[in-house]
Amino acid sequence: MNPQAVAAVPVSRWSDLIAFDYPLIANPDLPALIANNWPINPADPTSLYGAAGKGYTDFPTYRP
């Protein structure tokens, strides 16, 4: 899901969990980004799940 889709989910007993995949990998501070409506880094699919040194730990946090 993306943050816009999450905002459209009604708060009820039917929405116990909302999960993110790529956005969370590329944004270690994703909860703060969503809460403050800050821009979200796009994930680079070529750096995911690979043996190269790029990815997972080298995504920057947002600096307002």
PDB file of N, CA and C in Angstrom:
ATOM      1  N   MET A   1       0.835  -1.186   0.000  1.00  0.00           N
ATOM      2  CA  MET A   1       0.000   0.000   0.000  1.00  0.00           C
ATOM      3  C   MET A   1       0.875   1.243   0.000  1.00  0.00           C
ATOM      4  N   ASN A   2       0.328   2.298  -0.496  1.00  0.00           N
ATOM      5  CA  ASN A   2       1.021   3.574  -0.421  1.00  0.00           C
ATOM      6  C   ASN A   2       0.325   4.457   0.616  1.00  0.00           C
ATOM      7  N   PRO A   3       0.961   5.520   1.072  1.00  0.00           N
ATOM      8  CA  PRO A   3       0.365   6.358   2.121  1.00  0.00           C
ATOM      9  C   PRO A   3      -1.004   6.920   1.759  1.00  0.00           C
ATOM     10  N   GLN A   4      -1.233   7.229   0.491  1.00  0.00           N
ATOM     11  CA  GLN A   4      -2.532   7.744   0.086  1.00  0.00           C
ATOM     12  C   GLN A   4      -3.617   6.681   0.249  1.00  0.00           C
ATOM     13  N   ALA A   5      -3.291   5.449  -0.063  1.00  0.00           N
ATOM     14  CA  ALA A   5      -4.249   4.362   0.100  1.00  0.00           C
ATOM     15  C   ALA A   5      -4.531   4.099   1.571  1.00  0.00           C
ATOM     16  N   VAL A   6      -3.515   4.229   2.404  1.00  0.00           N
ATOM     17  CA  VAL A   6      -3.703   4.025   3.839  1.00  0.00           C
ATOM     18  C   VAL A   6      -4.666   5.063   4.397  1.00  0.00           C
ATOM     19  N   ALA A   7      -4.541   6.301   3.950  1.00  0.00           N
ATOM     20  CA  ALA A   7      -5.421   7.364   4.436  1.00  0.00           C
ATOM     21  C   ALA A   7      -6.876   7.086   4.082  1.00  0.00           C
ATOM     22  N   ALA A   8      -7.113   6.334   3.033  1.00  0.00           N
ATOM     23  CA  ALA A   8      -8.473   6.026   2.609  1.00  0.00           C
ATOM     24  C   ALA A   8      -9.075   4.833   3.349  1.00  0.00           C
ATOM     25  N   VAL A   9      -8.266   4.089   4.089  1.00  0.00           N
ATOM     26  CA  VAL A   9      -8.763   2.924   4.821  1.00  0.00           C
ATOM     27  C   VAL A   9      -9.508   3.400   6.062  1.00  0.00           C
ATOM     28  N   PRO A  10     -10.766   3.025   6.192  1.00  0.00           N
ATOM     29  CA  PRO A  10     -11.499   3.446   7.392  1.00  0.00           C
ATOM     30  C   PRO A  10     -10.955   2.737   8.632  1.00  0.00           C
ATOM     31  N   VAL A  11     -10.877   3.466   9.710  1.00  0.00           N
ATOM     32  CA  VAL A  11     -10.426   2.871  10.965  1.00  0.00           C
ATOM     33  C   VAL A  11     -11.586   2.055  11.516  1.00  0.00           C
ATOM     34  N   SER A  12     -11.380   0.774  11.605  1.00  0.00           N
ATOM     35  CA  SER A  12     -12.425  -0.120  12.097  1.00  0.00           C
ATOM     36  C   SER A  12     -11.789  -1.396  12.601  1.00  0.00           C
ATOM     37  N   ARG A  13     -12.615  -2.283  13.066  1.00  0.00           N
ATOM     38  CA  ARG A  13     -12.086  -3.555  13.544  1.00  0.00           C
ATOM     39  C   ARG A  13     -11.631  -4.440  12.391  1.00  0.00           C
ATOM     40  N   TRP A  14     -11.851  -4.029  11.149  1.00  0.00           N
ATOM     41  CA  TRP A  14     -11.472  -4.829   9.990  1.00  0.00           C
ATOM     42  C   TRP A  14     -10.101  -4.471   9.446  1.00  0.00           C
ATOM     43  N   SER A  15      -9.497  -3.423   9.951  1.00  0.00           N
ATOM     44  CA  SER A  15      -8.164  -3.047   9.463  1.00  0.00           C
ATOM     45  C   SER A  15      -7.155  -3.129  10.606  1.00  0.00           C
ATOM     46  N   ASP A  16      -6.795  -4.349  10.973  1.00  0.00           N
ATOM     47  CA  ASP A  16      -5.856  -4.575  12.067  1.00  0.00           C
ATOM     48  C   ASP A  16      -4.410  -4.319  11.661  1.00  0.00           C
ATOM     49  N   LEU A  17      -4.110  -4.496  10.392  1.00  0.00           N
ATOM     50  CA  LEU A  17      -2.731  -4.370   9.935  1.00  0.00           C
ATOM     51  C   LEU A  17      -2.701  -3.816   8.519  1.00  0.00           C
ATOM     52  N   ILE A  18      -1.815  -2.859   8.316  1.00  0.00           N
ATOM     53  CA  ILE A  18      -1.547  -2.339   6.977  1.00  0.00           C
ATOM     54  C   ILE A  18      -0.049  -2.489   6.770  1.00  0.00           C
ATOM     55  N   ALA A  19       0.343  -3.168   5.701  1.00  0.00           N
ATOM     56  CA  ALA A  19       1.755  -3.492   5.498  1.00  0.00           C
ATOM     57  C   ALA A  19       2.344  -2.747   4.301  1.00  0.00           C
ATOM     58  N   PHE A  20       3.638  -2.456   4.406  1.00  0.00           N
ATOM     59  CA  PHE A  20       4.398  -1.831   3.334  1.00  0.00           C
ATOM     60  C   PHE A  20       5.582  -2.734   3.017  1.00  0.00           C
ATOM     61  N   ASP A  21       5.994  -2.769   1.762  1.00  0.00           N
ATOM     62  CA  ASP A  21       7.179  -3.552   1.421  1.00  0.00           C
ATOM     63  C   ASP A  21       8.271  -2.645   0.870  1.00  0.00           C
ATOM     64  N   TYR A  22       8.286  -2.372  -0.416  1.00  0.00           N
ATOM     65  CA  TYR A  22       9.344  -1.537  -0.996  1.00  0.00           C
ATOM     66  C   TYR A  22       9.481  -0.168  -0.335  1.00  0.00           C
ATOM     67  N   PRO A  23       8.380   0.536  -0.053  1.00  0.00           N
ATOM     68  CA  PRO A  23       8.572   1.852   0.579  1.00  0.00           C
ATOM     69  C   PRO A  23       9.328   1.771   1.904  1.00  0.00           C
ATOM     70  N   LEU A  24       9.106   0.721   2.670  1.00  0.00           N
ATOM     71  CA  LEU A  24       9.787   0.593   3.956  1.00  0.00           C
ATOM     72  C   LEU A  24      11.270   0.292   3.778  1.00  0.00           C
ATOM     73  N   ILE A  25      11.614  -0.501   2.781  1.00  0.00           N
ATOM     74  CA  ILE A  25      13.023  -0.814   2.535  1.00  0.00           C
ATOM     75  C   ILE A  25      13.795   0.449   2.164  1.00  0.00           C
ATOM     76  N   ALA A  26      13.207   1.286   1.331  1.00  0.00           N
ATOM     77  CA  ALA A  26      13.887   2.488   0.851  1.00  0.00           C
ATOM     78  C   ALA A  26      13.771   3.674   1.802  1.00  0.00           C
ATOM     79  N   ASN A  27      12.968   3.535   2.855  1.00  0.00           N
ATOM     80  CA  ASN A  27      12.735   4.638   3.787  1.00  0.00           C
ATOM     81  C   ASN A  27      12.780   4.127   5.218  1.00  0.00           C
ATOM     82  N   PRO A  28      13.941   4.145   5.842  1.00  0.00           N
ATOM     83  CA  PRO A  28      14.043   3.627   7.205  1.00  0.00           C
ATOM     84  C   PRO A  28      13.184   4.407   8.196  1.00  0.00           C
ATOM     85  N   ASP A  29      12.793   5.620   7.830  1.00  0.00           N
ATOM     86  CA  ASP A  29      11.973   6.468   8.686  1.00  0.00           C
ATOM     87  C   ASP A  29      10.556   6.616   8.134  1.00  0.00           C
ATOM     88  N   LEU A  30      10.030   5.569   7.502  1.00  0.00           N
ATOM     89  CA  LEU A  30       8.731   5.638   6.836  1.00  0.00           C
ATOM     90  C   LEU A  30       7.595   6.124   7.736  1.00  0.00           C
ATOM     91  N   PRO A  31       7.464   5.669   8.975  1.00  0.00           N
ATOM     92  CA  PRO A  31       6.371   6.192   9.805  1.00  0.00           C
ATOM     93  C   PRO A  31       6.424   7.715   9.975  1.00  0.00           C
ATOM     94  N   ALA A  32       7.616   8.269  10.153  1.00  0.00           N
ATOM     95  CA  ALA A  32       7.741   9.725  10.292  1.00  0.00           C
ATOM     96  C   ALA A  32       7.417  10.428   8.979  1.00  0.00           C
ATOM     97  N   LEU A  33       7.815   9.839   7.857  1.00  0.00           N
ATOM     98  CA  LEU A  33       7.513  10.437   6.555  1.00  0.00           C
ATOM     99  C   LEU A  33       6.010  10.514   6.325  1.00  0.00           C
ATOM    100  N   ILE A  34       5.315   9.441   6.636  1.00  0.00           N
ATOM    101  CA  ILE A  34       3.866   9.412   6.453  1.00  0.00           C
ATOM    102  C   ILE A  34       3.191  10.389   7.408  1.00  0.00           C
ATOM    103  N   ALA A  35       3.601  10.374   8.665  1.00  0.00           N
ATOM    104  CA  ALA A  35       2.978  11.241   9.672  1.00  0.00           C
ATOM    105  C   ALA A  35       3.141  12.717   9.344  1.00  0.00           C
ATOM    106  N   ASN A  36       4.262  13.083   8.733  1.00  0.00           N
ATOM    107  CA  ASN A  36       4.539  14.489   8.443  1.00  0.00           C
ATOM    108  C   ASN A  36       4.300  14.876   6.988  1.00  0.00           C
ATOM    109  N   ASN A  37       3.808  13.912   6.187  1.00  0.00           N
ATOM    110  CA  ASN A  37       3.552  14.158   4.770  1.00  0.00           C
ATOM    111  C   ASN A  37       4.814  14.616   4.038  1.00  0.00           C
ATOM    112  N   TRP A  38       5.946  14.009   4.392  1.00  0.00           N
ATOM    113  CA  TRP A  38       7.226  14.306   3.749  1.00  0.00           C
ATOM    114  C   TRP A  38       7.392  13.397   2.537  1.00  0.00           C
ATOM    115  N   PRO A  39       8.264  13.750   1.588  1.00  0.00           N
ATOM    116  CA  PRO A  39       8.452  12.908   0.394  1.00  0.00           C
ATOM    117  C   PRO A  39       9.070  11.552   0.733  1.00  0.00           C
ATOM    118  N   ILE A  40       8.703  10.572  -0.067  1.00  0.00           N
ATOM    119  CA  ILE A  40       9.165   9.199   0.141  1.00  0.00           C
ATOM    120  C   ILE A  40      10.156   8.827  -0.960  1.00  0.00           C
ATOM    121  N   ASN A  41      11.299   8.254  -0.558  1.00  0.00           N
ATOM    122  CA  ASN A  41      12.307   7.802  -1.527  1.00  0.00           C
ATOM    123  C   ASN A  41      11.750   6.640  -2.340  1.00  0.00           C
ATOM    124  N   PRO A  42      11.953   6.644  -3.643  1.00  0.00           N
ATOM    125  CA  PRO A  42      11.564   5.464  -4.416  1.00  0.00           C
ATOM    126  C   PRO A  42      12.573   4.337  -4.183  1.00  0.00           C
ATOM    127  N   ALA A  43      12.089   3.118  -4.141  1.00  0.00           N
ATOM    128  CA  ALA A  43      12.983   1.967  -3.989  1.00  0.00           C
ATOM    129  C   ALA A  43      13.618   1.642  -5.332  1.00  0.00           C
ATOM    130  N   ASP A  44      14.859   1.206  -5.302  1.00  0.00           N
ATOM    131  CA  ASP A  44      15.565   0.789  -6.507  1.00  0.00           C
ATOM    132  C   ASP A  44      15.516  -0.734  -6.574  1.00  0.00           C
ATOM    133  N   PRO A  45      14.636  -1.301  -7.395  1.00  0.00           N
ATOM    134  CA  PRO A  45      14.485  -2.754  -7.438  1.00  0.00           C
ATOM    135  C   PRO A  45      15.766  -3.506  -7.786  1.00  0.00           C
ATOM    136  N   THR A  46      16.695  -2.844  -8.473  1.00  0.00           N
ATOM    137  CA  THR A  46      17.935  -3.536  -8.840  1.00  0.00           C
ATOM    138  C   THR A  46      18.851  -3.747  -7.642  1.00  0.00           C
ATOM    139  N   SER A  47      18.595  -3.038  -6.540  1.00  0.00           N
ATOM    140  CA  SER A  47      19.451  -3.193  -5.364  1.00  0.00           C
ATOM    141  C   SER A  47      18.805  -4.047  -4.277  1.00  0.00           C
ATOM    142  N   LEU A  48      17.616  -4.560  -4.536  1.00  0.00           N
ATOM    143  CA  LEU A  48      16.917  -5.365  -3.536  1.00  0.00           C
ATOM    144  C   LEU A  48      17.252  -6.843  -3.690  1.00  0.00           C
ATOM    145  N   TYR A  49      17.392  -7.516  -2.579  1.00  0.00           N
ATOM    146  CA  TYR A  49      17.585  -8.963  -2.543  1.00  0.00           C
ATOM    147  C   TYR A  49      18.784  -9.431  -3.361  1.00  0.00           C
ATOM    148  N   GLY A  50      19.797  -8.614  -3.447  1.00  0.00           N
ATOM    149  CA  GLY A  50      20.968  -8.998  -4.229  1.00  0.00           C
ATOM    150  C   GLY A  50      22.199  -9.151  -3.363  1.00  0.00           C
ATOM    151  N   ALA A  51      23.249  -9.573  -3.971  1.00  0.00           N
ATOM    152  CA  ALA A  51      24.494  -9.787  -3.244  1.00  0.00           C
ATOM    153  C   ALA A  51      25.417  -8.580  -3.309  1.00  0.00           C
ATOM    154  N   ALA A  52      25.015  -7.546  -4.040  1.00  0.00           N
ATOM    155  CA  ALA A  52      25.848  -6.349  -4.164  1.00  0.00           C
ATOM    156  C   ALA A  52      25.826  -5.548  -2.861  1.00  0.00           C
ATOM    157  N   GLY A  53      26.749  -4.625  -2.737  1.00  0.00           N
ATOM    158  CA  GLY A  53      26.842  -3.835  -1.522  1.00  0.00           C
ATOM    159  C   GLY A  53      25.825  -2.716  -1.419  1.00  0.00           C
ATOM    160  N   LYS A  54      25.121  -2.415  -2.515  1.00  0.00           N
ATOM    161  CA  LYS A  54      24.162  -1.316  -2.512  1.00  0.00           C
ATOM    162  C   LYS A  54      22.785  -1.810  -2.067  1.00  0.00           C
ATOM    163  N   GLY A  55      22.120  -1.005  -1.254  1.00  0.00           N
ATOM    164  CA  GLY A  55      20.757  -1.326  -0.849  1.00  0.00           C
ATOM    165  C   GLY A  55      20.632  -1.597   0.640  1.00  0.00           C
ATOM    166  N   TYR A  56      19.428  -1.565   1.112  1.00  0.00           N
ATOM    167  CA  TYR A  56      19.042  -1.838   2.494  1.00  0.00           C
ATOM    168  C   TYR A  56      19.585  -0.857   3.519  1.00  0.00           C
ATOM    169  N   THR A  57      20.875  -0.675   3.606  1.00  0.00           N
ATOM    170  CA  THR A  57      21.422   0.168   4.672  1.00  0.00           C
ATOM    171  C   THR A  57      21.941   1.511   4.199  1.00  0.00           C
ATOM    172  N   ASP A  58      21.849   1.800   2.923  1.00  0.00           N
ATOM    173  CA  ASP A  58      22.396   3.068   2.451  1.00  0.00           C
ATOM    174  C   ASP A  58      21.344   4.075   1.988  1.00  0.00           C
ATOM    175  N   PHE A  59      20.085   3.852   2.319  1.00  0.00           N
ATOM    176  CA  PHE A  59      19.047   4.825   2.001  1.00  0.00           C
ATOM    177  C   PHE A  59      19.054   5.916   3.063  1.00  0.00           C
ATOM    178  N   PRO A  60      19.021   7.175   2.649  1.00  0.00           N
ATOM    179  CA  PRO A  60      19.086   8.268   3.628  1.00  0.00           C
ATOM    180  C   PRO A  60      17.753   8.487   4.341  1.00  0.00           C
ATOM    181  N   THR A  61      17.823   9.035   5.543  1.00  0.00           N
ATOM    182  CA  THR A  61      16.609   9.484   6.220  1.00  0.00           C
ATOM    183  C   THR A  61      16.309  10.900   5.748  1.00  0.00           C
ATOM    184  N   TYR A  62      15.060  11.316   5.881  1.00  0.00           N
ATOM    185  CA  TYR A  62      14.643  12.634   5.401  1.00  0.00           C
ATOM    186  C   TYR A  62      15.141  13.717   6.345  1.00  0.00           C
ATOM    187  N   ARG A  63      15.611  14.798   5.775  1.00  0.00           N
ATOM    188  CA  ARG A  63      16.058  15.961   6.550  1.00  0.00           C
ATOM    189  C   ARG A  63      15.233  17.161   6.112  1.00  0.00           C
ATOM    190  N   PRO A  64      14.264  17.578   6.955  1.00  0.00           N
ATOM    191  CA  PRO A  64      13.402  18.720   6.572  1.00  0.00           C
ATOM    192  C   PRO A  64      14.164  20.029   6.519  1.00  0.00           C
TER     193      PRO A  64
END
